[in-house]
Amino acid sequence: NCYRSIWHEVALGRSHKRYDVLQLLTKYYQPVHQAGQSGLIQIKFVVNCNGESGLFSTTGFDEDYCPKVFDERITKQLLTLFRNQIAVDESFRANRNPDSRPQDAAITLAFRLKDGNITDILP
C-alpha cells in the first residue's frame, strides 16, 4: 500500500480538467428535480500512486452553509461517477515531472446545486 500522508493536490480552477469534469457530469448525471435539494456537495477521495482509489466522503451544506443531507439519489450518482470515471483518470495523479512515477493525489470537488440540478463546480 503506498498511501502516504503527503498528497499531491489537484486544483481544477478554470483548467481543461474542469471542462472534462463538466462534460462527464453533462453525460452521466441525471438531475433529481426536487425542491429543497439546493446547496453544496463536497466530495473528497484519494488515489494512490498505483491508481487505487479510496477514502471517499461526501459532505453537504445548505444555502446558508449549514450541514445538510442531500437526497441519496444525488449523492449515489455523484459517488458512482467519481469512482468509475474520475478516480481512474491518470491525469489527476500525474507528476509535474514526466520522468517521475505518478503521485498519490487527494482530490476534492464541490458542486453547487439548485433543486437537484448542478449549476457550478467550485474550485
N, C-alpha and C. Protein backbone atom coordinates (compact mmCIF):
# COMPACT_ATOMS: atom_id res chain seq x y z
N ASN A 1 0.85 -1.18 0.00
CA ASN A 1 0.00 0.00 0.00
C ASN A 1 0.89 1.23 0.00
N CYS A 2 0.66 2.12 -0.93
CA CYS A 2 1.53 3.29 -1.00
C CYS A 2 0.80 4.59 -0.66
N TYR A 3 -0.30 4.52 0.12
CA TYR A 3 -0.92 5.76 0.60
C TYR A 3 0.05 6.44 1.55
N ARG A 4 0.26 7.70 1.35
CA ARG A 4 1.16 8.46 2.21
C ARG A 4 0.40 9.63 2.81
N SER A 5 0.97 10.21 3.84
CA SER A 5 0.31 11.36 4.46
C SER A 5 0.56 12.65 3.68
N ILE A 6 1.47 12.64 2.74
CA ILE A 6 1.73 13.82 1.90
C ILE A 6 1.06 13.57 0.56
N TRP A 7 0.14 14.45 0.20
CA TRP A 7 -0.65 14.27 -1.01
C TRP A 7 -0.28 15.30 -2.06
N HIS A 8 -0.42 14.92 -3.28
CA HIS A 8 -0.34 15.82 -4.42
C HIS A 8 -1.74 16.40 -4.57
N GLU A 9 -1.88 17.72 -4.48
CA GLU A 9 -3.20 18.33 -4.56
C GLU A 9 -3.47 18.80 -5.98
N VAL A 10 -4.69 18.59 -6.41
CA VAL A 10 -5.09 18.95 -7.76
C VAL A 10 -6.16 20.02 -7.67
N ALA A 11 -5.91 21.17 -8.26
CA ALA A 11 -6.90 22.25 -8.29
C ALA A 11 -7.44 22.37 -9.71
N LEU A 12 -8.76 22.38 -9.83
CA LEU A 12 -9.35 22.48 -11.16
C LEU A 12 -9.28 23.89 -11.71
N GLY A 13 -9.61 24.89 -10.88
CA GLY A 13 -9.63 26.26 -11.38
C GLY A 13 -10.45 26.35 -12.65
N ARG A 14 -9.91 26.97 -13.65
CA ARG A 14 -10.57 27.08 -14.96
C ARG A 14 -9.82 26.27 -16.01
N SER A 15 -9.27 25.14 -15.60
CA SER A 15 -8.42 24.32 -16.46
C SER A 15 -9.22 23.40 -17.36
N HIS A 16 -8.50 22.68 -18.20
CA HIS A 16 -9.15 21.69 -19.07
C HIS A 16 -9.73 20.55 -18.25
N LYS A 17 -9.18 20.27 -17.06
CA LYS A 17 -9.74 19.22 -16.20
C LYS A 17 -11.14 19.61 -15.74
N ARG A 18 -11.34 20.88 -15.44
CA ARG A 18 -12.67 21.34 -15.05
C ARG A 18 -13.65 21.11 -16.19
N TYR A 19 -13.22 21.41 -17.40
CA TYR A 19 -14.05 21.18 -18.57
C TYR A 19 -14.37 19.69 -18.71
N ASP A 20 -13.38 18.83 -18.51
CA ASP A 20 -13.59 17.38 -18.60
C ASP A 20 -14.60 16.90 -17.56
N VAL A 21 -14.51 17.42 -16.33
CA VAL A 21 -15.46 17.04 -15.29
C VAL A 21 -16.86 17.52 -15.66
N LEU A 22 -16.95 18.73 -16.20
CA LEU A 22 -18.26 19.24 -16.64
C LEU A 22 -18.86 18.35 -17.73
N GLN A 23 -18.03 17.89 -18.65
CA GLN A 23 -18.51 17.01 -19.72
C GLN A 23 -19.01 15.68 -19.15
N LEU A 24 -18.29 15.13 -18.19
CA LEU A 24 -18.73 13.89 -17.55
C LEU A 24 -20.06 14.08 -16.84
N LEU A 25 -20.20 15.20 -16.13
CA LEU A 25 -21.46 15.47 -15.44
C LEU A 25 -22.60 15.62 -16.43
N THR A 26 -22.35 16.31 -17.52
CA THR A 26 -23.37 16.50 -18.55
C THR A 26 -23.80 15.16 -19.13
N LYS A 27 -22.84 14.27 -19.32
CA LYS A 27 -23.13 12.98 -19.94
C LYS A 27 -23.82 12.00 -18.98
N TYR A 28 -23.37 11.95 -17.72
CA TYR A 28 -23.81 10.89 -16.82
C TYR A 28 -24.78 11.32 -15.71
N TYR A 29 -24.75 12.55 -15.28
CA TYR A 29 -25.58 12.96 -14.15
C TYR A 29 -27.02 13.18 -14.60
N GLN A 30 -27.94 12.50 -13.94
CA GLN A 30 -29.37 12.68 -14.19
C GLN A 30 -29.93 13.52 -13.06
N PRO A 31 -30.29 14.78 -13.33
CA PRO A 31 -30.79 15.65 -12.25
C PRO A 31 -31.99 15.05 -11.53
N VAL A 32 -32.03 15.24 -10.23
CA VAL A 32 -33.15 14.83 -9.41
C VAL A 32 -33.93 16.11 -9.13
N HIS A 33 -34.91 16.41 -9.96
CA HIS A 33 -35.66 17.66 -9.84
C HIS A 33 -36.54 17.59 -8.59
N GLN A 34 -36.07 18.26 -7.55
CA GLN A 34 -36.80 18.24 -6.30
C GLN A 34 -36.49 19.51 -5.53
N ALA A 35 -37.54 20.21 -5.15
CA ALA A 35 -37.36 21.43 -4.36
C ALA A 35 -36.66 21.06 -3.06
N GLY A 36 -35.81 21.96 -2.58
CA GLY A 36 -35.10 21.74 -1.34
C GLY A 36 -33.76 21.04 -1.50
N GLN A 37 -33.46 20.58 -2.69
CA GLN A 37 -32.16 19.92 -2.93
C GLN A 37 -31.18 20.97 -3.48
N SER A 38 -30.99 22.01 -2.69
CA SER A 38 -30.11 23.12 -3.08
C SER A 38 -29.03 23.31 -2.03
N GLY A 39 -27.87 23.71 -2.50
CA GLY A 39 -26.74 23.95 -1.61
C GLY A 39 -25.46 23.46 -2.25
N LEU A 40 -24.55 22.97 -1.43
CA LEU A 40 -23.25 22.49 -1.91
C LEU A 40 -23.04 21.04 -1.49
N ILE A 41 -22.45 20.27 -2.39
CA ILE A 41 -22.00 18.93 -2.06
C ILE A 41 -20.50 18.88 -2.34
N GLN A 42 -19.76 18.47 -1.33
CA GLN A 42 -18.31 18.33 -1.47
C GLN A 42 -17.98 16.84 -1.45
N ILE A 43 -17.19 16.42 -2.43
CA ILE A 43 -16.75 15.03 -2.50
C ILE A 43 -15.23 15.00 -2.40
N LYS A 44 -14.74 14.16 -1.50
CA LYS A 44 -13.30 14.01 -1.30
C LYS A 44 -12.95 12.55 -1.48
N PHE A 45 -11.78 12.32 -2.06
CA PHE A 45 -11.26 10.96 -2.15
C PHE A 45 -9.78 11.04 -2.46
N VAL A 46 -9.12 9.90 -2.36
CA VAL A 46 -7.70 9.83 -2.69
C VAL A 46 -7.48 8.75 -3.73
N VAL A 47 -6.43 8.94 -4.50
CA VAL A 47 -5.98 7.93 -5.46
C VAL A 47 -4.49 7.76 -5.19
N ASN A 48 -4.08 6.51 -4.90
CA ASN A 48 -2.67 6.32 -4.60
C ASN A 48 -1.86 6.19 -5.88
N CYS A 49 -0.56 6.05 -5.72
CA CYS A 49 0.34 6.02 -6.87
C CYS A 49 0.11 4.83 -7.79
N ASN A 50 -0.59 3.80 -7.29
CA ASN A 50 -0.91 2.64 -8.12
C ASN A 50 -2.25 2.77 -8.82
N GLY A 51 -2.93 3.90 -8.62
CA GLY A 51 -4.23 4.11 -9.25
C GLY A 51 -5.40 3.55 -8.46
N GLU A 52 -5.16 3.13 -7.22
CA GLU A 52 -6.23 2.61 -6.37
C GLU A 52 -6.89 3.77 -5.64
N SER A 53 -8.21 3.83 -5.72
CA SER A 53 -8.92 4.93 -5.07
C SER A 53 -9.59 4.47 -3.80
N GLY A 54 -9.83 5.42 -2.92
CA GLY A 54 -10.49 5.09 -1.66
C GLY A 54 -10.73 6.33 -0.83
N LEU A 55 -11.16 6.09 0.40
CA LEU A 55 -11.45 7.16 1.36
C LEU A 55 -12.45 8.18 0.79
N PHE A 56 -13.46 7.70 0.09
CA PHE A 56 -14.49 8.58 -0.47
C PHE A 56 -15.36 9.13 0.65
N SER A 57 -15.66 10.41 0.59
CA SER A 57 -16.59 11.00 1.56
C SER A 57 -17.37 12.12 0.88
N THR A 58 -18.59 12.28 1.34
CA THR A 58 -19.42 13.39 0.85
C THR A 58 -19.86 14.21 2.04
N THR A 59 -19.94 15.51 1.83
CA THR A 59 -20.42 16.43 2.83
C THR A 59 -21.38 17.38 2.15
N GLY A 60 -22.52 17.60 2.75
CA GLY A 60 -23.50 18.50 2.17
C GLY A 60 -23.70 19.74 3.03
N PHE A 61 -23.98 20.84 2.37
CA PHE A 61 -24.25 22.12 3.04
C PHE A 61 -25.45 22.76 2.37
N ASP A 62 -26.32 23.36 3.18
CA ASP A 62 -27.44 24.06 2.57
C ASP A 62 -26.98 25.43 2.08
N GLU A 63 -27.91 26.24 1.64
CA GLU A 63 -27.53 27.53 1.06
C GLU A 63 -27.01 28.52 2.09
N ASP A 64 -27.19 28.20 3.38
CA ASP A 64 -26.64 29.02 4.46
C ASP A 64 -25.36 28.40 5.03
N TYR A 65 -24.82 27.40 4.33
CA TYR A 65 -23.59 26.69 4.71
C TYR A 65 -23.71 25.90 6.00
N CYS A 66 -24.93 25.52 6.35
CA CYS A 66 -25.15 24.63 7.49
C CYS A 66 -25.17 23.19 6.96
N PRO A 67 -24.77 22.22 7.78
CA PRO A 67 -24.76 20.82 7.32
C PRO A 67 -26.13 20.39 6.79
N LYS A 68 -26.10 19.60 5.72
CA LYS A 68 -27.33 19.15 5.09
C LYS A 68 -27.11 17.75 4.52
N VAL A 69 -28.13 16.93 4.58
CA VAL A 69 -28.09 15.61 3.96
C VAL A 69 -28.93 15.70 2.68
N PHE A 70 -28.28 15.45 1.54
CA PHE A 70 -28.96 15.51 0.26
C PHE A 70 -29.63 14.17 -0.06
N ASP A 71 -30.57 14.21 -0.98
CA ASP A 71 -31.26 13.02 -1.45
C ASP A 71 -30.21 11.99 -1.87
N GLU A 72 -30.42 10.74 -1.44
CA GLU A 72 -29.47 9.68 -1.73
C GLU A 72 -29.29 9.45 -3.23
N ARG A 73 -30.32 9.74 -4.02
CA ARG A 73 -30.21 9.57 -5.48
C ARG A 73 -29.15 10.52 -6.06
N ILE A 74 -28.97 11.67 -5.45
CA ILE A 74 -27.96 12.63 -5.91
C ILE A 74 -26.57 12.17 -5.49
N THR A 75 -26.40 11.90 -4.20
CA THR A 75 -25.07 11.55 -3.71
C THR A 75 -24.58 10.22 -4.28
N LYS A 76 -25.46 9.24 -4.44
CA LYS A 76 -25.04 7.96 -5.01
C LYS A 76 -24.60 8.13 -6.46
N GLN A 77 -25.33 8.94 -7.23
CA GLN A 77 -24.93 9.19 -8.62
C GLN A 77 -23.55 9.81 -8.68
N LEU A 78 -23.33 10.83 -7.86
CA LEU A 78 -22.03 11.52 -7.88
C LEU A 78 -20.91 10.59 -7.43
N LEU A 79 -21.13 9.81 -6.38
CA LEU A 79 -20.09 8.88 -5.93
C LEU A 79 -19.80 7.82 -6.99
N THR A 80 -20.81 7.31 -7.64
CA THR A 80 -20.61 6.33 -8.71
C THR A 80 -19.80 6.94 -9.85
N LEU A 81 -20.16 8.15 -10.23
CA LEU A 81 -19.43 8.86 -11.29
C LEU A 81 -17.96 9.04 -10.91
N PHE A 82 -17.71 9.44 -9.67
CA PHE A 82 -16.35 9.66 -9.23
C PHE A 82 -15.57 8.36 -9.18
N ARG A 83 -16.18 7.31 -8.66
CA ARG A 83 -15.48 6.02 -8.57
C ARG A 83 -15.16 5.44 -9.94
N ASN A 84 -16.09 5.54 -10.87
CA ASN A 84 -15.95 4.87 -12.17
C ASN A 84 -15.31 5.72 -13.26
N GLN A 85 -15.33 7.02 -13.13
CA GLN A 85 -14.82 7.88 -14.20
C GLN A 85 -13.64 8.75 -13.74
N ILE A 86 -13.83 9.48 -12.68
CA ILE A 86 -12.82 10.48 -12.29
C ILE A 86 -11.66 9.84 -11.54
N ALA A 87 -11.93 8.90 -10.64
CA ALA A 87 -10.85 8.29 -9.85
C ALA A 87 -9.88 7.49 -10.71
N VAL A 88 -10.31 7.02 -11.87
CA VAL A 88 -9.43 6.23 -12.73
C VAL A 88 -8.67 7.10 -13.74
N ASP A 89 -8.91 8.39 -13.74
CA ASP A 89 -8.26 9.32 -14.66
C ASP A 89 -6.82 9.58 -14.18
N GLU A 90 -5.85 9.08 -14.92
CA GLU A 90 -4.45 9.19 -14.50
C GLU A 90 -3.94 10.63 -14.45
N SER A 91 -4.56 11.52 -15.18
CA SER A 91 -4.05 12.89 -15.20
C SER A 91 -4.19 13.59 -13.84
N PHE A 92 -5.09 13.09 -12.97
CA PHE A 92 -5.22 13.69 -11.65
C PHE A 92 -4.03 13.39 -10.76
N ARG A 93 -3.33 12.31 -11.03
CA ARG A 93 -2.17 11.98 -10.20
C ARG A 93 -0.86 12.09 -10.96
N ALA A 94 -0.91 12.72 -12.12
CA ALA A 94 0.31 12.89 -12.91
C ALA A 94 1.29 13.81 -12.20
N ASN A 95 2.54 13.43 -12.25
CA ASN A 95 3.59 14.23 -11.65
C ASN A 95 3.95 15.35 -12.62
N ARG A 96 4.37 16.48 -12.10
CA ARG A 96 4.76 17.59 -12.97
C ARG A 96 6.01 17.25 -13.79
N ASN A 97 6.81 16.35 -13.28
CA ASN A 97 7.99 15.87 -13.98
C ASN A 97 7.61 14.59 -14.72
N PRO A 98 7.57 14.61 -16.06
CA PRO A 98 7.09 13.45 -16.80
C PRO A 98 7.93 12.18 -16.61
N ASP A 99 9.16 12.30 -16.13
CA ASP A 99 10.02 11.13 -15.92
C ASP A 99 9.79 10.47 -14.56
N SER A 100 8.99 11.09 -13.70
CA SER A 100 8.73 10.55 -12.37
C SER A 100 7.49 9.67 -12.38
N ARG A 101 7.40 8.82 -11.37
CA ARG A 101 6.22 7.97 -11.27
C ARG A 101 5.03 8.78 -10.77
N PRO A 102 3.81 8.31 -11.02
CA PRO A 102 2.62 9.04 -10.55
C PRO A 102 2.64 9.20 -9.04
N GLN A 103 2.00 10.25 -8.58
CA GLN A 103 1.95 10.56 -7.16
C GLN A 103 0.59 10.19 -6.58
N ASP A 104 0.54 10.06 -5.26
CA ASP A 104 -0.73 9.96 -4.57
C ASP A 104 -1.44 11.31 -4.74
N ALA A 105 -2.75 11.28 -4.85
CA ALA A 105 -3.49 12.54 -5.03
C ALA A 105 -4.71 12.55 -4.12
N ALA A 106 -4.90 13.66 -3.44
CA ALA A 106 -6.12 13.91 -2.67
C ALA A 106 -6.96 14.85 -3.53
N ILE A 107 -8.15 14.43 -3.86
CA ILE A 107 -8.99 15.19 -4.78
C ILE A 107 -10.25 15.62 -4.04
N THR A 108 -10.54 16.91 -4.11
CA THR A 108 -11.74 17.47 -3.50
C THR A 108 -12.45 18.31 -4.55
N LEU A 109 -13.71 18.02 -4.76
CA LEU A 109 -14.53 18.81 -5.68
C LEU A 109 -15.81 19.19 -4.97
N ALA A 110 -16.30 20.37 -5.23
CA ALA A 110 -17.56 20.83 -4.65
C ALA A 110 -18.49 21.26 -5.77
N PHE A 111 -19.74 20.94 -5.60
CA PHE A 111 -20.75 21.25 -6.61
C PHE A 111 -21.85 22.09 -5.99
N ARG A 112 -22.30 23.09 -6.72
CA ARG A 112 -23.44 23.88 -6.29
C ARG A 112 -24.68 23.30 -6.97
N LEU A 113 -25.70 23.05 -6.17
CA LEU A 113 -26.95 22.51 -6.69
C LEU A 113 -28.10 23.48 -6.45
N LYS A 114 -29.03 23.48 -7.36
CA LYS A 114 -30.28 24.24 -7.21
C LYS A 114 -31.41 23.29 -7.58
N ASP A 115 -32.21 22.90 -6.60
CA ASP A 115 -33.33 21.98 -6.79
C ASP A 115 -32.92 20.69 -7.52
N GLY A 116 -31.74 20.17 -7.17
CA GLY A 116 -31.26 18.91 -7.73
C GLY A 116 -30.45 19.03 -9.00
N ASN A 117 -30.35 20.22 -9.57
CA ASN A 117 -29.56 20.45 -10.78
C ASN A 117 -28.19 21.01 -10.40
N ILE A 118 -27.13 20.47 -10.97
CA ILE A 118 -25.79 21.01 -10.73
C ILE A 118 -25.65 22.29 -11.55
N THR A 119 -25.34 23.37 -10.85
CA THR A 119 -25.22 24.65 -11.55
C THR A 119 -23.78 25.13 -11.67
N ASP A 120 -22.86 24.56 -10.86
CA ASP A 120 -21.47 25.02 -10.92
C ASP A 120 -20.56 24.01 -10.23
N ILE A 121 -19.32 23.99 -10.65
CA ILE A 121 -18.26 23.26 -9.96
C ILE A 121 -17.37 24.31 -9.33
N LEU A 122 -17.13 24.16 -8.06
CA LEU A 122 -16.30 25.14 -7.35
C LEU A 122 -14.88 24.63 -7.27
N PRO A 123 -13.92 25.52 -7.47
CA PRO A 123 -12.51 25.10 -7.43
C PRO A 123 -12.05 24.73 -6.02
